[in-house]
Amino acid sequence: MIVICHDLIGASICIIGVSIMLWAPRS
């Protein structure tokens, strides 16, 4: 997932993905 962070468009996907990973365990 860190790899796509290097991509400008992938960066937004990476941030969303990390947010889901951090939020999902709490739900």
C-alpha atoms as a PDB file:
ATOM      1  CA  MET A   1       0.000   0.000   0.000  1.00  0.00           C
ATOM      2  CA  ILE A   2       2.978   2.272   0.619  1.00  0.00           C
ATOM      3  CA  VAL A   3       4.007   1.823  -3.016  1.00  0.00           C
ATOM      4  CA  ILE A   4       0.875   3.496  -4.416  1.00  0.00           C
ATOM      5  CA  CYS A   5       1.499   6.393  -2.027  1.00  0.00           C
ATOM      6  CA  HIS A   6       4.294   7.474  -4.377  1.00  0.00           C
ATOM      7  CA  ASP A   7       1.674   8.020  -7.062  1.00  0.00           C
ATOM      8  CA  LEU A   8      -0.134  11.366  -6.958  1.00  0.00           C
ATOM      9  CA  ILE A   9      -3.549   9.815  -7.579  1.00  0.00           C
ATOM     10  CA  GLY A  10      -2.659   6.700  -5.603  1.00  0.00           C
ATOM     11  CA  ALA A  11      -1.812   8.893  -2.610  1.00  0.00           C
ATOM     12  CA  SER A  12      -5.495   9.699  -2.053  1.00  0.00           C
ATOM     13  CA  ILE A  13      -6.357   6.006  -2.345  1.00  0.00           C
ATOM     14  CA  CYS A  14      -3.562   5.215   0.114  1.00  0.00           C
ATOM     15  CA  ILE A  15      -4.883   7.745   2.634  1.00  0.00           C
ATOM     16  CA  ILE A  16      -8.427   6.400   2.297  1.00  0.00           C
ATOM     17  CA  GLY A  17      -7.160   2.845   2.626  1.00  0.00           C
ATOM     18  CA  VAL A  18      -5.205   3.657   5.781  1.00  0.00           C
ATOM     19  CA  SER A  19      -8.214   5.492   7.222  1.00  0.00           C
ATOM     20  CA  ILE A  20     -10.390   2.412   6.647  1.00  0.00           C
ATOM     21  CA  MET A  21      -7.757   0.142   8.196  1.00  0.00           C
ATOM     22  CA  LEU A  22      -7.613   2.367  11.277  1.00  0.00           C
ATOM     23  CA  TRP A  23     -11.383   2.874  11.527  1.00  0.00           C
ATOM     24  CA  ALA A  24     -12.649  -0.633  10.712  1.00  0.00           C
ATOM     25  CA  PRO A  25     -11.292  -2.341  13.894  1.00  0.00           C
ATOM     26  CA  ARG A  26     -13.119   0.241  16.020  1.00  0.00           C
ATOM     27  CA  SER A  27     -16.508  -0.289  14.377  1.00  0.00           C
END
